[in-house]
Amino acid sequence: MNIKSVNLETVCGITSRLPENQLVEIAFAGRSNVGKSSLINTLMNRKSYARTSQQPGKTQTINFYNINDMLYFVDLPGYGYAKVSQETKAKWGKMIDRYLENSQVLRLVFLLVDIRHKPNQNDCQMYDWCVEYGFNPVIVATKEDKVKPSQKGRLIKEIKEALNVVEGTPVIPFSALKKSGRDEIWEYIDMVQEAFVNE
């Protein structure tokens, strides 16, 4: 897709009402510092539209990016080891859960995991939530440039086993540095957007 316009249209906090969008929504979930903002910026062809940070837990809201007035990228709060209270983490969890349950136009979830690390309990819970609400997430294994090509097959197999993924679930290795995986991710987005228009 040729990105002509990007607009951060809605920002939802813990108590905010979710927008009732008419365009298809594509959500991005992952633990803090896994590279969600970097992935979104790469897909949007923008250097720093979605704010990236070395500090885990920077995204504390659900951010809705309008892309070309055709679809929304939905950046969910990073979960996991962010330096916030347990109470805040629980509220973020409820916020993500509420979004997955209530969005009428969400059709695809990308779940990001760091290719270097085996998915943890939070990743597994996020995956299970998605499946529970009828989404089979596409797994994006980020930071691909930080591992040797010879290790990739084994690491992807470990990710699939740890998450106990539905058979046939794609795992796409991605590097924001090399932009590897970008086109493959866009293929899924384009396919879902086209199917939504024809619903």
N, C-alpha and C. Protein backbone atom coordinates (compact mmCIF):
# COMPACT_ATOMS: atom_id res chain seq x y z
N MET A 1 0.84 -1.20 0.00
CA MET A 1 0.00 0.00 0.00
C MET A 1 0.87 1.25 0.00
N ASN A 2 0.51 2.20 -0.83
CA ASN A 2 1.22 3.47 -0.86
C ASN A 2 0.65 4.38 0.23
N ILE A 3 1.46 4.68 1.24
CA ILE A 3 0.97 5.46 2.38
C ILE A 3 0.96 6.95 2.03
N LYS A 4 -0.24 7.49 1.89
CA LYS A 4 -0.36 8.92 1.56
C LYS A 4 -0.64 9.76 2.79
N SER A 5 -1.43 9.20 3.72
CA SER A 5 -1.75 9.98 4.92
C SER A 5 -1.80 9.09 6.15
N VAL A 6 -1.27 9.62 7.24
CA VAL A 6 -1.29 8.95 8.54
C VAL A 6 -1.76 9.97 9.56
N ASN A 7 -2.74 9.59 10.37
CA ASN A 7 -3.27 10.54 11.35
C ASN A 7 -3.55 9.80 12.66
N LEU A 8 -2.90 10.24 13.74
CA LEU A 8 -3.23 9.68 15.06
C LEU A 8 -4.56 10.28 15.45
N GLU A 9 -5.62 9.52 15.24
CA GLU A 9 -6.97 10.06 15.31
C GLU A 9 -7.57 10.00 16.71
N THR A 10 -7.32 8.89 17.41
CA THR A 10 -7.94 8.70 18.73
C THR A 10 -6.92 8.10 19.69
N VAL A 11 -6.91 8.62 20.91
CA VAL A 11 -6.06 8.08 21.97
C VAL A 11 -6.98 7.74 23.14
N CYS A 12 -7.02 6.48 23.53
CA CYS A 12 -7.92 6.03 24.60
C CYS A 12 -7.13 5.65 25.84
N GLY A 13 -7.46 6.26 26.95
CA GLY A 13 -6.87 5.89 28.23
C GLY A 13 -7.72 4.82 28.90
N ILE A 14 -7.37 4.55 30.15
CA ILE A 14 -8.02 3.47 30.88
C ILE A 14 -9.53 3.67 31.00
N THR A 15 -9.95 4.92 31.17
CA THR A 15 -11.40 5.17 31.37
C THR A 15 -12.09 5.66 30.10
N SER A 16 -11.34 5.79 29.00
CA SER A 16 -11.94 6.35 27.78
C SER A 16 -12.92 5.38 27.14
N ARG A 17 -13.88 5.97 26.44
CA ARG A 17 -14.79 5.16 25.64
C ARG A 17 -14.10 4.83 24.31
N LEU A 18 -14.22 3.59 23.88
CA LEU A 18 -13.59 3.20 22.62
C LEU A 18 -14.34 3.82 21.44
N PRO A 19 -13.62 4.23 20.39
CA PRO A 19 -14.29 4.83 19.24
C PRO A 19 -15.11 3.79 18.47
N GLU A 20 -16.16 4.26 17.82
CA GLU A 20 -16.97 3.35 16.99
C GLU A 20 -16.58 3.59 15.52
N ASN A 21 -15.44 3.03 15.16
CA ASN A 21 -14.91 3.24 13.81
C ASN A 21 -15.68 2.43 12.77
N GLN A 22 -15.67 2.95 11.56
CA GLN A 22 -16.33 2.26 10.45
C GLN A 22 -15.32 1.50 9.57
N LEU A 23 -14.06 1.90 9.66
CA LEU A 23 -13.01 1.25 8.85
C LEU A 23 -12.43 0.07 9.63
N VAL A 24 -11.84 -0.87 8.92
CA VAL A 24 -11.26 -2.05 9.55
C VAL A 24 -10.10 -1.67 10.48
N GLU A 25 -9.98 -2.38 11.59
CA GLU A 25 -8.90 -2.15 12.55
C GLU A 25 -7.94 -3.34 12.55
N ILE A 26 -6.65 -3.01 12.55
CA ILE A 26 -5.56 -3.99 12.64
C ILE A 26 -4.82 -3.68 13.93
N ALA A 27 -4.79 -4.61 14.87
CA ALA A 27 -4.19 -4.32 16.18
C ALA A 27 -2.79 -4.92 16.30
N PHE A 28 -1.97 -4.23 17.09
CA PHE A 28 -0.59 -4.67 17.36
C PHE A 28 -0.43 -4.81 18.87
N ALA A 29 -0.10 -6.03 19.29
CA ALA A 29 0.05 -6.31 20.72
C ALA A 29 1.43 -6.88 20.97
N GLY A 30 1.93 -6.66 22.17
CA GLY A 30 3.25 -7.22 22.51
C GLY A 30 3.73 -6.66 23.83
N ARG A 31 4.69 -7.36 24.41
CA ARG A 31 5.18 -6.88 25.70
C ARG A 31 5.98 -5.59 25.52
N SER A 32 6.19 -4.90 26.62
CA SER A 32 6.91 -3.63 26.60
C SER A 32 8.28 -3.80 25.96
N ASN A 33 8.63 -2.85 25.10
CA ASN A 33 9.95 -2.81 24.47
C ASN A 33 10.19 -3.90 23.43
N VAL A 34 9.14 -4.54 22.94
CA VAL A 34 9.31 -5.62 21.95
C VAL A 34 9.52 -5.04 20.55
N GLY A 35 9.19 -3.74 20.39
CA GLY A 35 9.39 -3.10 19.08
C GLY A 35 8.11 -2.79 18.32
N LYS A 36 7.00 -2.61 19.07
CA LYS A 36 5.72 -2.31 18.41
C LYS A 36 5.77 -0.99 17.65
N SER A 37 6.25 0.05 18.31
CA SER A 37 6.29 1.37 17.66
C SER A 37 7.21 1.36 16.45
N SER A 38 8.33 0.64 16.57
CA SER A 38 9.26 0.54 15.43
C SER A 38 8.60 -0.18 14.25
N LEU A 39 7.85 -1.23 14.54
CA LEU A 39 7.14 -1.96 13.47
C LEU A 39 6.10 -1.05 12.82
N ILE A 40 5.32 -0.36 13.63
CA ILE A 40 4.27 0.51 13.09
C ILE A 40 4.87 1.62 12.25
N ASN A 41 5.95 2.22 12.73
CA ASN A 41 6.63 3.26 11.94
C ASN A 41 7.14 2.71 10.61
N THR A 42 7.70 1.50 10.63
CA THR A 42 8.21 0.89 9.40
C THR A 42 7.07 0.64 8.42
N LEU A 43 5.96 0.13 8.91
CA LEU A 43 4.81 -0.13 8.03
C LEU A 43 4.24 1.17 7.46
N MET A 44 4.29 2.25 8.25
CA MET A 44 3.72 3.54 7.83
C MET A 44 4.72 4.37 7.02
N ASN A 45 5.95 3.85 6.86
CA ASN A 45 7.01 4.63 6.19
C ASN A 45 7.26 5.97 6.88
N ARG A 46 7.17 5.95 8.20
CA ARG A 46 7.45 7.15 8.98
C ARG A 46 8.56 6.83 9.96
N LYS A 47 9.44 7.82 10.19
CA LYS A 47 10.58 7.53 11.07
C LYS A 47 10.18 7.46 12.54
N SER A 48 9.37 8.40 12.98
CA SER A 48 9.07 8.41 14.42
C SER A 48 7.66 8.91 14.69
N TYR A 49 6.71 8.46 13.89
CA TYR A 49 5.32 8.89 14.11
C TYR A 49 4.78 8.23 15.38
N ALA A 50 4.92 6.90 15.45
CA ALA A 50 4.61 6.21 16.71
C ALA A 50 5.86 6.35 17.58
N ARG A 51 5.68 6.85 18.80
CA ARG A 51 6.84 7.15 19.63
C ARG A 51 7.53 5.89 20.11
N THR A 52 8.83 5.82 19.83
CA THR A 52 9.63 4.69 20.31
C THR A 52 10.39 5.16 21.55
N SER A 53 10.72 4.20 22.40
CA SER A 53 11.42 4.56 23.63
C SER A 53 12.25 3.39 24.12
N GLN A 54 13.36 3.71 24.76
CA GLN A 54 14.15 2.68 25.43
C GLN A 54 13.48 2.29 26.75
N GLN A 55 12.56 3.14 27.18
CA GLN A 55 11.91 2.91 28.47
C GLN A 55 10.67 2.04 28.28
N PRO A 56 10.66 0.84 28.86
CA PRO A 56 9.50 -0.03 28.70
C PRO A 56 8.23 0.63 29.21
N GLY A 57 7.11 0.31 28.55
CA GLY A 57 5.82 0.79 29.02
C GLY A 57 5.49 2.19 28.57
N LYS A 58 6.12 2.68 27.50
CA LYS A 58 5.89 4.05 27.04
C LYS A 58 4.46 4.21 26.51
N THR A 59 3.98 3.20 25.78
CA THR A 59 2.61 3.28 25.28
C THR A 59 1.66 2.85 26.40
N GLN A 60 0.94 3.83 26.96
CA GLN A 60 0.04 3.54 28.07
C GLN A 60 -1.42 3.76 27.68
N THR A 61 -1.63 3.94 26.39
CA THR A 61 -2.97 4.19 25.88
C THR A 61 -3.17 3.29 24.66
N ILE A 62 -4.42 3.22 24.20
CA ILE A 62 -4.69 2.56 22.92
C ILE A 62 -4.72 3.67 21.88
N ASN A 63 -3.80 3.59 20.91
CA ASN A 63 -3.67 4.65 19.90
C ASN A 63 -4.20 4.16 18.55
N PHE A 64 -5.11 4.95 17.97
CA PHE A 64 -5.73 4.59 16.69
C PHE A 64 -5.15 5.48 15.59
N TYR A 65 -4.40 4.87 14.67
CA TYR A 65 -3.80 5.60 13.55
C TYR A 65 -4.64 5.37 12.29
N ASN A 66 -5.17 6.45 11.73
CA ASN A 66 -5.93 6.35 10.49
C ASN A 66 -4.94 6.34 9.32
N ILE A 67 -4.97 5.27 8.53
CA ILE A 67 -4.05 5.12 7.40
C ILE A 67 -4.83 5.30 6.10
N ASN A 68 -4.52 6.37 5.37
CA ASN A 68 -5.12 6.63 4.04
C ASN A 68 -6.65 6.68 4.05
N ASP A 69 -7.25 6.91 5.23
CA ASP A 69 -8.72 6.85 5.34
C ASP A 69 -9.26 5.50 4.84
N MET A 70 -8.44 4.45 5.00
CA MET A 70 -8.84 3.11 4.55
C MET A 70 -8.87 2.10 5.69
N LEU A 71 -8.03 2.32 6.70
CA LEU A 71 -7.97 1.35 7.80
C LEU A 71 -7.31 2.02 9.01
N TYR A 72 -7.40 1.33 10.14
CA TYR A 72 -6.75 1.81 11.36
C TYR A 72 -5.69 0.82 11.83
N PHE A 73 -4.52 1.37 12.21
CA PHE A 73 -3.56 0.61 13.00
C PHE A 73 -3.88 0.93 14.45
N VAL A 74 -4.02 -0.11 15.27
CA VAL A 74 -4.35 0.09 16.68
C VAL A 74 -3.17 -0.39 17.52
N ASP A 75 -2.50 0.55 18.15
CA ASP A 75 -1.31 0.26 18.97
C ASP A 75 -1.78 0.05 20.41
N LEU A 76 -1.69 -1.20 20.88
CA LEU A 76 -2.14 -1.53 22.24
C LEU A 76 -1.01 -1.30 23.24
N PRO A 77 -1.35 -1.02 24.50
CA PRO A 77 -0.30 -0.79 25.50
C PRO A 77 0.61 -2.01 25.65
N GLY A 78 1.90 -1.76 25.76
CA GLY A 78 2.84 -2.85 26.00
C GLY A 78 2.58 -3.45 27.38
N TYR A 79 2.66 -4.76 27.46
CA TYR A 79 2.41 -5.41 28.76
C TYR A 79 3.72 -6.01 29.25
N GLY A 80 3.73 -6.46 30.50
CA GLY A 80 4.91 -7.17 30.98
C GLY A 80 5.71 -6.39 31.99
N TYR A 81 6.99 -6.18 31.67
CA TYR A 81 7.91 -5.71 32.72
C TYR A 81 8.01 -4.20 32.84
N ALA A 82 7.06 -3.47 32.34
CA ALA A 82 7.10 -2.01 32.46
C ALA A 82 7.14 -1.62 33.93
N LYS A 83 7.87 -0.54 34.20
CA LYS A 83 8.04 -0.11 35.60
C LYS A 83 6.82 0.67 36.07
N VAL A 84 5.73 -0.03 36.20
CA VAL A 84 4.50 0.58 36.70
C VAL A 84 3.94 -0.34 37.78
N SER A 85 2.97 0.18 38.53
CA SER A 85 2.40 -0.61 39.62
C SER A 85 1.59 -1.79 39.09
N GLN A 86 1.42 -2.79 39.94
CA GLN A 86 0.60 -3.96 39.57
C GLN A 86 -0.83 -3.52 39.26
N GLU A 87 -1.29 -2.52 39.99
CA GLU A 87 -2.66 -2.02 39.78
C GLU A 87 -2.81 -1.44 38.37
N THR A 88 -1.80 -0.66 37.94
CA THR A 88 -1.84 -0.08 36.59
C THR A 88 -1.77 -1.17 35.54
N LYS A 89 -0.89 -2.17 35.77
CA LYS A 89 -0.79 -3.29 34.82
C LYS A 89 -2.12 -4.00 34.67
N ALA A 90 -2.80 -4.19 35.82
CA ALA A 90 -4.11 -4.87 35.79
C ALA A 90 -5.11 -4.05 34.98
N LYS A 91 -5.04 -2.73 35.12
CA LYS A 91 -5.96 -1.85 34.38
C LYS A 91 -5.66 -1.89 32.88
N TRP A 92 -4.36 -1.93 32.53
CA TRP A 92 -4.00 -2.06 31.11
C TRP A 92 -4.55 -3.36 30.54
N GLY A 93 -4.41 -4.43 31.34
CA GLY A 93 -4.92 -5.73 30.91
C GLY A 93 -6.42 -5.67 30.63
N LYS A 94 -7.14 -5.02 31.54
CA LYS A 94 -8.60 -4.89 31.36
C LYS A 94 -8.92 -4.05 30.13
N MET A 95 -8.10 -3.01 29.90
CA MET A 95 -8.32 -2.13 28.74
C MET A 95 -8.14 -2.91 27.44
N ILE A 96 -7.08 -3.72 27.36
CA ILE A 96 -6.84 -4.53 26.16
C ILE A 96 -7.96 -5.55 25.99
N ASP A 97 -8.32 -6.19 27.09
CA ASP A 97 -9.38 -7.19 27.08
C ASP A 97 -10.70 -6.58 26.58
N ARG A 98 -11.01 -5.39 27.09
CA ARG A 98 -12.26 -4.68 26.70
C ARG A 98 -12.24 -4.36 25.21
N TYR A 99 -11.08 -3.95 24.72
CA TYR A 99 -10.97 -3.62 23.29
C TYR A 99 -11.20 -4.87 22.43
N LEU A 100 -10.51 -5.97 22.77
CA LEU A 100 -10.64 -7.20 21.99
C LEU A 100 -12.09 -7.70 21.98
N GLU A 101 -12.75 -7.52 23.12
CA GLU A 101 -14.13 -8.02 23.25
C GLU A 101 -15.13 -7.14 22.51
N ASN A 102 -14.89 -5.82 22.50
CA ASN A 102 -15.93 -4.90 22.05
C ASN A 102 -15.77 -4.28 20.67
N SER A 103 -14.55 -4.30 20.12
CA SER A 103 -14.39 -3.69 18.80
C SER A 103 -15.21 -4.46 17.77
N GLN A 104 -16.01 -3.72 17.01
CA GLN A 104 -16.85 -4.34 15.98
C GLN A 104 -16.10 -4.49 14.65
N VAL A 105 -14.97 -3.81 14.52
CA VAL A 105 -14.29 -3.77 13.21
C VAL A 105 -12.86 -4.32 13.26
N LEU A 106 -12.46 -4.87 14.41
CA LEU A 106 -11.14 -5.49 14.51
C LEU A 106 -11.17 -6.81 13.75
N ARG A 107 -10.25 -6.98 12.82
CA ARG A 107 -10.24 -8.21 12.02
C ARG A 107 -8.90 -8.95 12.07
N LEU A 108 -7.85 -8.29 12.56
CA LEU A 108 -6.53 -8.94 12.56
C LEU A 108 -5.70 -8.41 13.72
N VAL A 109 -5.04 -9.35 14.41
CA VAL A 109 -4.14 -8.98 15.51
C VAL A 109 -2.75 -9.52 15.17
N PHE A 110 -1.77 -8.63 15.23
CA PHE A 110 -0.36 -9.05 15.15
C PHE A 110 0.16 -9.11 16.58
N LEU A 111 0.66 -10.27 16.97
CA LEU A 111 1.26 -10.41 18.30
C LEU A 111 2.77 -10.44 18.13
N LEU A 112 3.44 -9.46 18.73
CA LEU A 112 4.89 -9.33 18.58
C LEU A 112 5.60 -10.02 19.73
N VAL A 113 6.59 -10.82 19.38
CA VAL A 113 7.46 -11.43 20.38
C VAL A 113 8.91 -11.20 19.93
N ASP A 114 9.80 -11.08 20.89
CA ASP A 114 11.23 -10.90 20.58
C ASP A 114 11.80 -12.25 20.20
N ILE A 115 12.34 -12.34 18.98
CA ILE A 115 12.83 -13.63 18.48
C ILE A 115 13.92 -14.23 19.38
N ARG A 116 14.61 -13.38 20.15
CA ARG A 116 15.72 -13.85 20.99
C ARG A 116 15.26 -14.53 22.27
N HIS A 117 14.02 -14.30 22.66
CA HIS A 117 13.55 -14.79 23.96
C HIS A 117 12.30 -15.65 23.80
N LYS A 118 12.27 -16.71 24.54
CA LYS A 118 11.09 -17.59 24.53
C LYS A 118 9.89 -16.80 25.06
N PRO A 119 8.73 -16.89 24.42
CA PRO A 119 7.54 -16.18 24.93
C PRO A 119 7.28 -16.52 26.39
N ASN A 120 6.91 -15.48 27.16
CA ASN A 120 6.69 -15.69 28.59
C ASN A 120 5.19 -15.84 28.87
N GLN A 121 4.86 -15.89 30.15
CA GLN A 121 3.46 -16.10 30.57
C GLN A 121 2.54 -15.01 30.04
N ASN A 122 3.02 -13.77 30.04
CA ASN A 122 2.20 -12.65 29.53
C ASN A 122 1.91 -12.82 28.03
N ASP A 123 2.92 -13.24 27.27
CA ASP A 123 2.73 -13.47 25.83
C ASP A 123 1.69 -14.57 25.60
N CYS A 124 1.80 -15.64 26.39
CA CYS A 124 0.86 -16.76 26.25
C CYS A 124 -0.56 -16.33 26.60
N GLN A 125 -0.67 -15.49 27.64
CA GLN A 125 -2.00 -15.01 28.04
C GLN A 125 -2.59 -14.13 26.94
N MET A 126 -1.76 -13.27 26.36
CA MET A 126 -2.23 -12.39 25.29
C MET A 126 -2.68 -13.23 24.09
N TYR A 127 -1.90 -14.24 23.75
CA TYR A 127 -2.26 -15.11 22.63
C TYR A 127 -3.61 -15.79 22.92
N ASP A 128 -3.74 -16.32 24.14
CA ASP A 128 -4.97 -17.03 24.51
C ASP A 128 -6.18 -16.09 24.50
N TRP A 129 -5.99 -14.86 24.95
CA TRP A 129 -7.08 -13.85 24.91
C TRP A 129 -7.56 -13.67 23.47
N CYS A 130 -6.59 -13.48 22.58
CA CYS A 130 -6.94 -13.24 21.17
C CYS A 130 -7.75 -14.40 20.61
N VAL A 131 -7.27 -15.62 20.87
CA VAL A 131 -7.96 -16.81 20.35
C VAL A 131 -9.35 -16.92 20.96
N GLU A 132 -9.45 -16.61 22.27
CA GLU A 132 -10.74 -16.67 22.97
C GLU A 132 -11.77 -15.75 22.31
N TYR A 133 -11.31 -14.60 21.81
CA TYR A 133 -12.24 -13.65 21.18
C TYR A 133 -12.36 -13.86 19.67
N GLY A 134 -11.83 -14.97 19.18
CA GLY A 134 -12.06 -15.33 17.79
C GLY A 134 -11.00 -14.86 16.81
N PHE A 135 -9.86 -14.40 17.32
CA PHE A 135 -8.77 -13.96 16.44
C PHE A 135 -7.63 -14.98 16.52
N ASN A 136 -7.11 -15.36 15.36
CA ASN A 136 -5.89 -16.16 15.35
C ASN A 136 -4.75 -15.21 15.00
N PRO A 137 -4.00 -14.75 16.00
CA PRO A 137 -3.00 -13.73 15.72
C PRO A 137 -1.92 -14.20 14.76
N VAL A 138 -1.45 -13.28 13.95
CA VAL A 138 -0.23 -13.51 13.16
C VAL A 138 0.93 -13.13 14.09
N ILE A 139 1.89 -14.01 14.26
CA ILE A 139 3.01 -13.75 15.17
C ILE A 139 4.12 -13.05 14.40
N VAL A 140 4.61 -11.95 14.96
CA VAL A 140 5.75 -11.24 14.37
C VAL A 140 6.93 -11.40 15.33
N ALA A 141 7.98 -12.06 14.84
CA ALA A 141 9.19 -12.28 15.66
C ALA A 141 10.16 -11.12 15.38
N THR A 142 10.17 -10.14 16.28
CA THR A 142 10.93 -8.91 16.07
C THR A 142 12.42 -9.09 16.36
N LYS A 143 13.19 -8.08 15.95
CA LYS A 143 14.64 -8.00 16.21
C LYS A 143 15.39 -9.15 15.54
N GLU A 144 14.92 -9.52 14.37
CA GLU A 144 15.51 -10.62 13.61
C GLU A 144 16.98 -10.38 13.32
N ASP A 145 17.37 -9.11 13.15
CA ASP A 145 18.76 -8.79 12.80
C ASP A 145 19.73 -9.12 13.94
N LYS A 146 19.19 -9.40 15.14
CA LYS A 146 20.07 -9.65 16.28
C LYS A 146 20.40 -11.14 16.46
N VAL A 147 19.88 -11.99 15.56
CA VAL A 147 20.23 -13.42 15.66
C VAL A 147 20.85 -13.89 14.34
N LYS A 148 21.58 -14.97 14.41
CA LYS A 148 22.21 -15.52 13.20
C LYS A 148 21.14 -16.22 12.34
N PRO A 149 21.27 -16.13 11.02
CA PRO A 149 20.31 -16.81 10.14
C PRO A 149 20.16 -18.29 10.47
N SER A 150 21.25 -18.92 10.89
CA SER A 150 21.20 -20.36 11.20
C SER A 150 20.35 -20.67 12.44
N GLN A 151 20.09 -19.64 13.28
CA GLN A 151 19.32 -19.87 14.51
C GLN A 151 17.82 -19.69 14.31
N LYS A 152 17.45 -19.02 13.22
CA LYS A 152 16.05 -18.59 13.06
C LYS A 152 15.03 -19.72 13.11
N GLY A 153 15.31 -20.80 12.37
CA GLY A 153 14.36 -21.91 12.32
C GLY A 153 14.05 -22.46 13.70
N ARG A 154 15.11 -22.67 14.49
CA ARG A 154 14.95 -23.23 15.84
C ARG A 154 14.17 -22.26 16.74
N LEU A 155 14.49 -20.96 16.64
CA LEU A 155 13.85 -19.96 17.50
C LEU A 155 12.36 -19.83 17.16
N ILE A 156 12.03 -19.88 15.87
CA ILE A 156 10.62 -19.79 15.46
C ILE A 156 9.85 -21.01 15.96
N LYS A 157 10.49 -22.19 15.89
CA LYS A 157 9.86 -23.41 16.40
C LYS A 157 9.59 -23.29 17.90
N GLU A 158 10.54 -22.70 18.64
CA GLU A 158 10.38 -22.51 20.09
C GLU A 158 9.22 -21.56 20.38
N ILE A 159 9.11 -20.51 19.58
CA ILE A 159 8.02 -19.54 19.77
C ILE A 159 6.66 -20.23 19.57
N LYS A 160 6.55 -21.01 18.50
CA LYS A 160 5.29 -21.73 18.21
C LYS A 160 4.93 -22.68 19.34
N GLU A 161 5.94 -23.40 19.84
CA GLU A 161 5.69 -24.37 20.91
C GLU A 161 5.30 -23.69 22.21
N ALA A 162 5.99 -22.59 22.54
CA ALA A 162 5.71 -21.89 23.80
C ALA A 162 4.30 -21.28 23.81
N LEU A 163 3.89 -20.74 22.66
CA LEU A 163 2.55 -20.14 22.58
C LEU A 163 1.47 -21.18 22.33
N ASN A 164 1.89 -22.38 21.95
CA ASN A 164 0.95 -23.45 21.61
C ASN A 164 -0.02 -22.95 20.53
N VAL A 165 0.56 -22.47 19.42
CA VAL A 165 -0.24 -21.80 18.39
C VAL A 165 -1.14 -22.77 17.64
N VAL A 166 -2.23 -22.24 17.11
CA VAL A 166 -3.11 -23.00 16.23
C VAL A 166 -2.29 -23.41 15.01
N GLU A 167 -2.50 -24.64 14.56
CA GLU A 167 -1.73 -25.14 13.41
C GLU A 167 -1.90 -24.22 12.21
N GLY A 168 -0.80 -23.95 11.52
CA GLY A 168 -0.85 -23.08 10.34
C GLY A 168 -0.64 -21.61 10.65
N THR A 169 -0.50 -21.28 11.95
CA THR A 169 -0.28 -19.87 12.33
C THR A 169 1.06 -19.38 11.78
N PRO A 170 1.05 -18.27 11.01
CA PRO A 170 2.32 -17.77 10.50
C PRO A 170 3.15 -17.08 11.57
N VAL A 171 4.46 -17.26 11.50
CA VAL A 171 5.40 -16.51 12.32
C VAL A 171 6.33 -15.78 11.36
N ILE A 172 6.27 -14.45 11.37
CA ILE A 172 7.03 -13.64 10.41
C ILE A 172 8.23 -13.00 11.11
N PRO A 173 9.45 -13.39 10.76
CA PRO A 173 10.62 -12.70 11.32
C PRO A 173 10.66 -11.27 10.78
N PHE A 174 10.94 -10.31 11.67
CA PHE A 174 10.91 -8.89 11.28
C PHE A 174 12.10 -8.15 11.87
N SER A 175 12.65 -7.25 11.07
CA SER A 175 13.70 -6.36 11.56
C SER A 175 13.39 -4.94 11.12
N ALA A 176 13.25 -4.02 12.09
CA ALA A 176 13.01 -2.61 11.75
C ALA A 176 14.23 -2.03 11.06
N LEU A 177 15.41 -2.55 11.41
CA LEU A 177 16.66 -2.07 10.84
C LEU A 177 16.75 -2.43 9.35
N LYS A 178 16.48 -3.70 9.06
CA LYS A 178 16.60 -4.18 7.67
C LYS A 178 15.29 -4.08 6.89
N LYS A 179 14.19 -3.82 7.62
CA LYS A 179 12.85 -3.80 7.02
C LYS A 179 12.44 -5.18 6.49
N SER A 180 13.12 -6.23 6.95
CA SER A 180 12.74 -7.58 6.54
C SER A 180 11.40 -7.95 7.18
N GLY A 181 10.55 -8.62 6.43
CA GLY A 181 9.23 -9.02 6.93
C GLY A 181 8.15 -8.00 6.65
N ARG A 182 8.55 -6.77 6.30
CA ARG A 182 7.58 -5.69 6.10
C ARG A 182 6.55 -6.02 5.02
N ASP A 183 7.04 -6.46 3.86
CA ASP A 183 6.12 -6.73 2.75
C ASP A 183 5.16 -7.87 3.06
N GLU A 184 5.69 -8.87 3.75
CA GLU A 184 4.85 -10.02 4.11
C GLU A 184 3.73 -9.59 5.08
N ILE A 185 4.08 -8.73 6.03
CA ILE A 185 3.07 -8.23 6.98
C ILE A 185 2.01 -7.42 6.23
N TRP A 186 2.45 -6.59 5.28
CA TRP A 186 1.50 -5.79 4.49
C TRP A 186 0.57 -6.68 3.67
N GLU A 187 1.07 -7.83 3.21
CA GLU A 187 0.20 -8.74 2.45
C GLU A 187 -1.00 -9.17 3.28
N TYR A 188 -0.77 -9.49 4.56
CA TYR A 188 -1.87 -9.87 5.45
C TYR A 188 -2.82 -8.69 5.67
N ILE A 189 -2.25 -7.50 5.86
CA ILE A 189 -3.08 -6.32 6.10
C ILE A 189 -3.96 -6.03 4.88
N ASP A 190 -3.35 -6.04 3.70
CA ASP A 190 -4.11 -5.77 2.46
C ASP A 190 -5.23 -6.79 2.26
N MET A 191 -4.92 -8.04 2.54
CA MET A 191 -5.90 -9.12 2.36
C MET A 191 -7.10 -8.91 3.28
N VAL A 192 -6.83 -8.56 4.53
CA VAL A 192 -7.89 -8.37 5.53
C VAL A 192 -8.72 -7.12 5.19
N GLN A 193 -8.02 -6.06 4.76
CA GLN A 193 -8.73 -4.81 4.42
C GLN A 193 -9.67 -5.04 3.25
N GLU A 194 -9.21 -5.78 2.27
CA GLU A 194 -10.02 -6.06 1.07
C GLU A 194 -11.24 -6.92 1.44
N ALA A 195 -11.00 -7.92 2.28
CA ALA A 195 -12.10 -8.81 2.72
C ALA A 195 -13.14 -8.01 3.50
N PHE A 196 -12.68 -7.06 4.34
CA PHE A 196 -13.59 -6.24 5.15
C PHE A 196 -14.49 -5.39 4.25
N VAL A 197 -13.91 -4.79 3.23
CA VAL A 197 -14.67 -3.95 2.30
C VAL A 197 -15.76 -4.78 1.60
N ASN A 198 -15.46 -6.06 1.39
CA ASN A 198 -16.41 -6.92 0.67
C ASN A 198 -17.39 -7.67 1.59
N GLU A 199 -17.30 -7.40 2.91
CA GLU A 199 -18.19 -8.10 3.86
C GLU A 199 -19.65 -7.72 3.60
